[in-house]
């Protein structure tokens, strides 16, 4: 008889609230199961404590949050953005020392999350493929508003390419690199690192 591996597909305490949220808002959740530990390990694989503070978007049940803590970050290093009321209550209970905010990720600059741009990494569990290009640009641009030079935005997708379209990347001066694929996730998912493009270097005398 097949046995469910909860380390791969979420713990029992994750599955029930996740399914409840999906039934209530299928487009906003845009998945039928919590992200796996394999995907969580991949999307946080390049993040170190030196990246603090870290911004997490669309945390859901906190699968990626737990992975960030395993990487050595403290709860106090995390600002978690989650619009779903059920998820917000769950995250506040599970991570009481993190800052959990029930706000719209498309309006980040309006909330004054930080003074200046200190964020070293952003981890996104948002279903960008189900959003309009305008909203995707607002989310990504708003996140980079708080990100320091050299910081990276990590996004997963079930699709065949980066879920941030090339015209949006070009307009924001960004580039995307696929860092891996989590085949044990259901369905399999790829992770992209999105960073600022390096300024074009023009040798002296050729301007």
C-alpha atoms as a PDB file:
ATOM      1  CA  UNK A   1       0.000   0.000   0.000  1.00  0.00           C
ATOM      2  CA  UNK A   2       1.342   3.454  -0.906  1.00  0.00           C
ATOM      3  CA  UNK A   3       2.442   5.582   2.024  1.00  0.00           C
ATOM      4  CA  UNK A   4       2.348   9.362   1.986  1.00  0.00           C
ATOM      5  CA  UNK A   5       5.752  10.887   2.686  1.00  0.00           C
ATOM      6  CA  UNK A   6       4.862  14.016   4.645  1.00  0.00           C
ATOM      7  CA  UNK A   7       8.425  15.290   4.450  1.00  0.00           C
ATOM      8  CA  UNK A   8       7.950  15.482   0.689  1.00  0.00           C
ATOM      9  CA  UNK A   9       4.400  16.774   0.485  1.00  0.00           C
ATOM     10  CA  UNK A  10       3.804  18.656   3.746  1.00  0.00           C
ATOM     11  CA  UNK A  11       2.975  17.596   7.285  1.00  0.00           C
ATOM     12  CA  UNK A  12      -0.584  16.607   8.243  1.00  0.00           C
ATOM     13  CA  UNK A  13      -0.964  19.944  10.041  1.00  0.00           C
ATOM     14  CA  UNK A  14      -0.100  21.704   6.750  1.00  0.00           C
ATOM     15  CA  UNK A  15      -2.451  19.802   4.469  1.00  0.00           C
ATOM     16  CA  UNK A  16      -5.794  20.574   6.147  1.00  0.00           C
ATOM     17  CA  UNK A  17      -5.436  24.392   6.298  1.00  0.00           C
ATOM     18  CA  UNK A  18      -3.917  24.408   2.824  1.00  0.00           C
ATOM     19  CA  UNK A  19      -6.846  22.516   1.293  1.00  0.00           C
ATOM     20  CA  UNK A  20      -9.298  24.726   3.156  1.00  0.00           C
ATOM     21  CA  UNK A  21      -7.640  27.843   1.730  1.00  0.00           C
ATOM     22  CA  UNK A  22      -7.503  26.338  -1.765  1.00  0.00           C
ATOM     23  CA  UNK A  23     -11.218  25.532  -1.713  1.00  0.00           C
ATOM     24  CA  UNK A  24     -12.010  29.097  -0.626  1.00  0.00           C
ATOM     25  CA  UNK A  25      -9.600  30.889  -3.009  1.00  0.00           C
ATOM     26  CA  UNK A  26      -8.263  28.500  -5.710  1.00  0.00           C
ATOM     27  CA  UNK A  27      -6.768  31.233  -7.902  1.00  0.00           C
ATOM     28  CA  UNK A  28      -4.963  32.903  -5.019  1.00  0.00           C
ATOM     29  CA  UNK A  29      -3.535  29.654  -3.641  1.00  0.00           C
ATOM     30  CA  UNK A  30      -3.083  28.112  -7.118  1.00  0.00           C
ATOM     31  CA  UNK A  31      -1.890  24.705  -5.834  1.00  0.00           C
ATOM     32  CA  UNK A  32      -3.609  21.689  -4.331  1.00  0.00           C
ATOM     33  CA  UNK A  33      -0.868  20.734  -1.845  1.00  0.00           C
ATOM     34  CA  UNK A  34       1.749  22.504   0.273  1.00  0.00           C
ATOM     35  CA  UNK A  35       5.192  22.852  -1.253  1.00  0.00           C
ATOM     36  CA  UNK A  36       7.499  19.933  -0.530  1.00  0.00           C
ATOM     37  CA  UNK A  37      10.612  19.969   1.611  1.00  0.00           C
ATOM     38  CA  UNK A  38      12.590  19.345  -1.606  1.00  0.00           C
ATOM     39  CA  UNK A  39      11.297  22.590  -3.105  1.00  0.00           C
ATOM     40  CA  UNK A  40      11.799  24.441   0.176  1.00  0.00           C
ATOM     41  CA  UNK A  41      15.411  23.239   0.349  1.00  0.00           C
ATOM     42  CA  UNK A  42      16.024  24.317  -3.251  1.00  0.00           C
ATOM     43  CA  UNK A  43      14.464  27.779  -3.043  1.00  0.00           C
ATOM     44  CA  UNK A  44      16.439  28.582   0.139  1.00  0.00           C
ATOM     45  CA  UNK A  45      19.676  26.838  -0.904  1.00  0.00           C
ATOM     46  CA  UNK A  46      21.624  30.051  -1.605  1.00  0.00           C
ATOM     47  CA  UNK A  47      20.392  32.014   1.427  1.00  0.00           C
ATOM     48  CA  UNK A  48      22.665  32.471   4.440  1.00  0.00           C
ATOM     49  CA  UNK A  49      22.185  34.329   7.747  1.00  0.00           C
ATOM     50  CA  UNK A  50      24.170  37.226   6.274  1.00  0.00           C
ATOM     51  CA  UNK A  51      21.200  37.879   3.951  1.00  0.00           C
ATOM     52  CA  UNK A  52      19.084  39.065   6.898  1.00  0.00           C
ATOM     53  CA  UNK A  53      16.619  40.642   6.919  1.00  0.00           C
ATOM     54  CA  UNK A  54      14.716  38.376   4.559  1.00  0.00           C
ATOM     55  CA  UNK A  55      11.299  39.070   3.071  1.00  0.00           C
ATOM     56  CA  UNK A  56       8.958  36.155   2.357  1.00  0.00           C
ATOM     57  CA  UNK A  57       5.940  36.591   0.096  1.00  0.00           C
ATOM     58  CA  UNK A  58       2.966  34.235   0.169  1.00  0.00           C
ATOM     59  CA  UNK A  59       4.206  32.004   2.976  1.00  0.00           C
ATOM     60  CA  UNK A  60       1.114  29.776   3.149  1.00  0.00           C
ATOM     61  CA  UNK A  61       1.631  27.205   5.894  1.00  0.00           C
ATOM     62  CA  UNK A  62       5.289  28.169   6.405  1.00  0.00           C
ATOM     63  CA  UNK A  63       7.132  25.419   4.516  1.00  0.00           C
ATOM     64  CA  UNK A  64       9.677  27.893   3.120  1.00  0.00           C
ATOM     65  CA  UNK A  65       9.781  29.721   6.464  1.00  0.00           C
ATOM     66  CA  UNK A  66      10.900  26.551   8.231  1.00  0.00           C
ATOM     67  CA  UNK A  67      13.564  26.022   5.571  1.00  0.00           C
ATOM     68  CA  UNK A  68      14.876  29.568   6.126  1.00  0.00           C
ATOM     69  CA  UNK A  69      15.187  28.864   9.846  1.00  0.00           C
ATOM     70  CA  UNK A  70      17.095  25.662   9.026  1.00  0.00           C
ATOM     71  CA  UNK A  71      19.532  27.829   7.034  1.00  0.00           C
ATOM     72  CA  UNK A  72      20.396  29.692  10.236  1.00  0.00           C
ATOM     73  CA  UNK A  73      18.148  32.724  10.073  1.00  0.00           C
ATOM     74  CA  UNK A  74      16.279  33.751  13.209  1.00  0.00           C
ATOM     75  CA  UNK A  75      12.547  34.371  13.280  1.00  0.00           C
ATOM     76  CA  UNK A  76      13.306  38.016  14.058  1.00  0.00           C
ATOM     77  CA  UNK A  77      15.109  38.212  10.691  1.00  0.00           C
ATOM     78  CA  UNK A  78      11.903  37.461   8.764  1.00  0.00           C
ATOM     79  CA  UNK A  79       9.094  39.657   7.497  1.00  0.00           C
ATOM     80  CA  UNK A  80       6.335  37.429   6.160  1.00  0.00           C
ATOM     81  CA  UNK A  81       3.673  38.762   3.789  1.00  0.00           C
ATOM     82  CA  UNK A  82       0.512  36.656   3.610  1.00  0.00           C
ATOM     83  CA  UNK A  83      -2.960  37.815   2.584  1.00  0.00           C
ATOM     84  CA  UNK A  84      -4.925  34.679   3.525  1.00  0.00           C
ATOM     85  CA  UNK A  85      -6.463  35.144   6.977  1.00  0.00           C
ATOM     86  CA  UNK A  86      -6.285  31.437   7.883  1.00  0.00           C
ATOM     87  CA  UNK A  87      -2.631  31.278   6.905  1.00  0.00           C
ATOM     88  CA  UNK A  88      -1.842  34.490   8.820  1.00  0.00           C
ATOM     89  CA  UNK A  89      -3.203  33.036  12.065  1.00  0.00           C
ATOM     90  CA  UNK A  90      -1.283  29.799  11.507  1.00  0.00           C
ATOM     91  CA  UNK A  91       1.982  31.622  10.739  1.00  0.00           C
ATOM     92  CA  UNK A  92       1.656  33.872  13.787  1.00  0.00           C
ATOM     93  CA  UNK A  93       1.204  30.803  15.967  1.00  0.00           C
ATOM     94  CA  UNK A  94       4.085  28.881  14.411  1.00  0.00           C
ATOM     95  CA  UNK A  95       6.549  31.781  14.161  1.00  0.00           C
ATOM     96  CA  UNK A  96       5.630  34.162  16.995  1.00  0.00           C
ATOM     97  CA  UNK A  97       8.858  36.152  16.804  1.00  0.00           C
ATOM     98  CA  UNK A  98       8.663  36.783  13.044  1.00  0.00           C
ATOM     99  CA  UNK A  99       6.827  39.800  11.653  1.00  0.00           C
ATOM    100  CA  UNK A 100       3.720  38.448   9.879  1.00  0.00           C
ATOM    101  CA  UNK A 101       1.769  41.069   7.934  1.00  0.00           C
ATOM    102  CA  UNK A 102      -1.636  40.518   6.243  1.00  0.00           C
ATOM    103  CA  UNK A 103      -1.006  42.923   3.375  1.00  0.00           C
ATOM    104  CA  UNK A 104      -1.164  42.870  -0.418  1.00  0.00           C
ATOM    105  CA  UNK A 105       2.230  41.989  -1.915  1.00  0.00           C
ATOM    106  CA  UNK A 106       1.419  44.227  -4.897  1.00  0.00           C
ATOM    107  CA  UNK A 107       1.514  47.308  -2.626  1.00  0.00           C
ATOM    108  CA  UNK A 108       4.730  46.719  -0.668  1.00  0.00           C
ATOM    109  CA  UNK A 109       6.302  50.205  -0.966  1.00  0.00           C
ATOM    110  CA  UNK A 110       3.162  51.752   0.546  1.00  0.00           C
ATOM    111  CA  UNK A 111       3.594  49.917   3.842  1.00  0.00           C
ATOM    112  CA  UNK A 112       7.044  51.184   4.826  1.00  0.00           C
ATOM    113  CA  UNK A 113       8.304  47.723   5.755  1.00  0.00           C
ATOM    114  CA  UNK A 114      11.886  48.905   6.273  1.00  0.00           C
ATOM    115  CA  UNK A 115      13.854  52.093   6.430  1.00  0.00           C
ATOM    116  CA  UNK A 116      16.023  52.149   3.350  1.00  0.00           C
ATOM    117  CA  UNK A 117      16.844  48.981   1.415  1.00  0.00           C
ATOM    118  CA  UNK A 118      18.327  46.417   3.820  1.00  0.00           C
ATOM    119  CA  UNK A 119      16.778  43.188   2.503  1.00  0.00           C
ATOM    120  CA  UNK A 120      19.293  40.577   1.349  1.00  0.00           C
ATOM    121  CA  UNK A 121      16.879  38.017  -0.089  1.00  0.00           C
ATOM    122  CA  UNK A 122      13.233  37.602  -1.021  1.00  0.00           C
ATOM    123  CA  UNK A 123      11.563  34.192  -1.143  1.00  0.00           C
ATOM    124  CA  UNK A 124       8.281  34.084  -3.027  1.00  0.00           C
ATOM    125  CA  UNK A 125       5.606  31.416  -2.886  1.00  0.00           C
ATOM    126  CA  UNK A 126       3.157  33.582  -4.803  1.00  0.00           C
ATOM    127  CA  UNK A 127       1.354  32.078  -7.844  1.00  0.00           C
ATOM    128  CA  UNK A 128       2.654  34.622 -10.341  1.00  0.00           C
ATOM    129  CA  UNK A 129       1.413  32.625 -13.340  1.00  0.00           C
ATOM    130  CA  UNK A 130      -2.186  33.255 -12.281  1.00  0.00           C
ATOM    131  CA  UNK A 131      -1.652  37.032 -11.988  1.00  0.00           C
ATOM    132  CA  UNK A 132      -1.821  39.844 -14.515  1.00  0.00           C
ATOM    133  CA  UNK A 133       1.472  41.261 -15.854  1.00  0.00           C
ATOM    134  CA  UNK A 134       0.673  44.553 -14.112  1.00  0.00           C
ATOM    135  CA  UNK A 135       0.372  42.826 -10.739  1.00  0.00           C
ATOM    136  CA  UNK A 136       3.514  40.756 -11.301  1.00  0.00           C
ATOM    137  CA  UNK A 137       5.462  43.925 -12.061  1.00  0.00           C
ATOM    138  CA  UNK A 138       4.077  45.619  -8.936  1.00  0.00           C
ATOM    139  CA  UNK A 139       5.072  42.671  -6.738  1.00  0.00           C
ATOM    140  CA  UNK A 140       8.583  42.237  -8.125  1.00  0.00           C
ATOM    141  CA  UNK A 141       9.273  45.964  -8.366  1.00  0.00           C
ATOM    142  CA  UNK A 142       7.930  46.497  -4.849  1.00  0.00           C
ATOM    143  CA  UNK A 143      10.181  43.788  -3.456  1.00  0.00           C
ATOM    144  CA  UNK A 144      13.272  45.257  -5.134  1.00  0.00           C
ATOM    145  CA  UNK A 145      12.339  48.616  -3.592  1.00  0.00           C
ATOM    146  CA  UNK A 146      13.561  47.155  -0.273  1.00  0.00           C
ATOM    147  CA  UNK A 147      16.453  45.047  -1.583  1.00  0.00           C
ATOM    148  CA  UNK A 148      20.086  46.048  -1.166  1.00  0.00           C
ATOM    149  CA  UNK A 149      22.659  45.762  -3.973  1.00  0.00           C
ATOM    150  CA  UNK A 150      23.495  42.136  -4.709  1.00  0.00           C
ATOM    151  CA  UNK A 151      20.271  40.828  -3.169  1.00  0.00           C
ATOM    152  CA  UNK A 152      18.247  38.125  -4.928  1.00  0.00           C
ATOM    153  CA  UNK A 153      14.563  37.376  -5.391  1.00  0.00           C
ATOM    154  CA  UNK A 154      13.778  33.625  -5.453  1.00  0.00           C
ATOM    155  CA  UNK A 155      10.615  32.449  -7.197  1.00  0.00           C
ATOM    156  CA  UNK A 156       9.344  28.976  -7.990  1.00  0.00           C
ATOM    157  CA  UNK A 157       7.080  27.986 -10.853  1.00  0.00           C
ATOM    158  CA  UNK A 158       5.329  24.948 -12.285  1.00  0.00           C
ATOM    159  CA  UNK A 159       5.713  26.380 -15.779  1.00  0.00           C
ATOM    160  CA  UNK A 160       8.449  25.801 -18.392  1.00  0.00           C
ATOM    161  CA  UNK A 161      10.056  29.256 -18.006  1.00  0.00           C
ATOM    162  CA  UNK A 162      10.509  32.096 -15.558  1.00  0.00           C
ATOM    163  CA  UNK A 163       7.070  33.302 -14.374  1.00  0.00           C
ATOM    164  CA  UNK A 164       8.238  36.914 -14.584  1.00  0.00           C
ATOM    165  CA  UNK A 165       7.941  37.712 -18.314  1.00  0.00           C
ATOM    166  CA  UNK A 166      10.977  39.042 -20.152  1.00  0.00           C
ATOM    167  CA  UNK A 167       9.393  42.472 -20.863  1.00  0.00           C
ATOM    168  CA  UNK A 168       8.882  42.983 -17.125  1.00  0.00           C
ATOM    169  CA  UNK A 169      12.437  41.901 -16.341  1.00  0.00           C
ATOM    170  CA  UNK A 170      13.716  44.316 -19.010  1.00  0.00           C
ATOM    171  CA  UNK A 171      11.621  47.196 -17.730  1.00  0.00           C
ATOM    172  CA  UNK A 172      12.818  46.684 -14.152  1.00  0.00           C
ATOM    173  CA  UNK A 173      16.453  46.116 -15.164  1.00  0.00           C
ATOM    174  CA  UNK A 174      16.507  42.535 -13.909  1.00  0.00           C
ATOM    175  CA  UNK A 175      17.711  39.135 -15.079  1.00  0.00           C
ATOM    176  CA  UNK A 176      16.510  35.624 -14.211  1.00  0.00           C
ATOM    177  CA  UNK A 177      18.562  32.443 -13.822  1.00  0.00           C
ATOM    178  CA  UNK A 178      17.129  28.990 -13.184  1.00  0.00           C
ATOM    179  CA  UNK A 179      18.961  27.449 -10.224  1.00  0.00           C
ATOM    180  CA  UNK A 180      17.346  24.020 -10.223  1.00  0.00           C
ATOM    181  CA  UNK A 181      14.269  21.842 -10.393  1.00  0.00           C
ATOM    182  CA  UNK A 182      12.521  19.998  -7.549  1.00  0.00           C
ATOM    183  CA  UNK A 183      11.312  16.788  -9.175  1.00  0.00           C
ATOM    184  CA  UNK A 184       9.921  15.418  -5.879  1.00  0.00           C
ATOM    185  CA  UNK A 185       7.489  18.296  -5.596  1.00  0.00           C
ATOM    186  CA  UNK A 186       3.890  17.718  -6.715  1.00  0.00           C
ATOM    187  CA  UNK A 187       3.868  18.877  -9.449  1.00  0.00           C
ATOM    188  CA  UNK A 188       7.606  19.278 -10.188  1.00  0.00           C
ATOM    189  CA  UNK A 189       8.714  22.891  -9.870  1.00  0.00           C
ATOM    190  CA  UNK A 190      11.652  25.015 -11.017  1.00  0.00           C
ATOM    191  CA  UNK A 191      13.276  27.803  -9.006  1.00  0.00           C
ATOM    192  CA  UNK A 192      14.596  31.046 -10.478  1.00  0.00           C
ATOM    193  CA  UNK A 193      16.981  33.597  -9.003  1.00  0.00           C
ATOM    194  CA  UNK A 194      16.121  37.145 -10.094  1.00  0.00           C
ATOM    195  CA  UNK A 195      18.731  39.858  -9.630  1.00  0.00           C
ATOM    196  CA  UNK A 196      19.560  43.326 -10.861  1.00  0.00           C
ATOM    197  CA  UNK A 197      21.548  43.464 -14.069  1.00  0.00           C
ATOM    198  CA  UNK A 198      25.090  44.737 -13.830  1.00  0.00           C
ATOM    199  CA  UNK A 199      25.504  48.263 -15.259  1.00  0.00           C
ATOM    200  CA  UNK A 200      26.855  48.210 -18.811  1.00  0.00           C
ATOM    201  CA  UNK A 201      30.581  48.962 -18.668  1.00  0.00           C
ATOM    202  CA  UNK A 202      31.763  51.258 -21.443  1.00  0.00           C
ATOM    203  CA  UNK A 203      35.570  51.474 -21.716  1.00  0.00           C
ATOM    204  CA  UNK A 204      37.032  54.943 -21.365  1.00  0.00           C
ATOM    205  CA  UNK A 205      37.179  56.756 -24.700  1.00  0.00           C
ATOM    206  CA  UNK A 206      34.397  54.721 -26.314  1.00  0.00           C
ATOM    207  CA  UNK A 207      31.409  56.610 -24.953  1.00  0.00           C
END
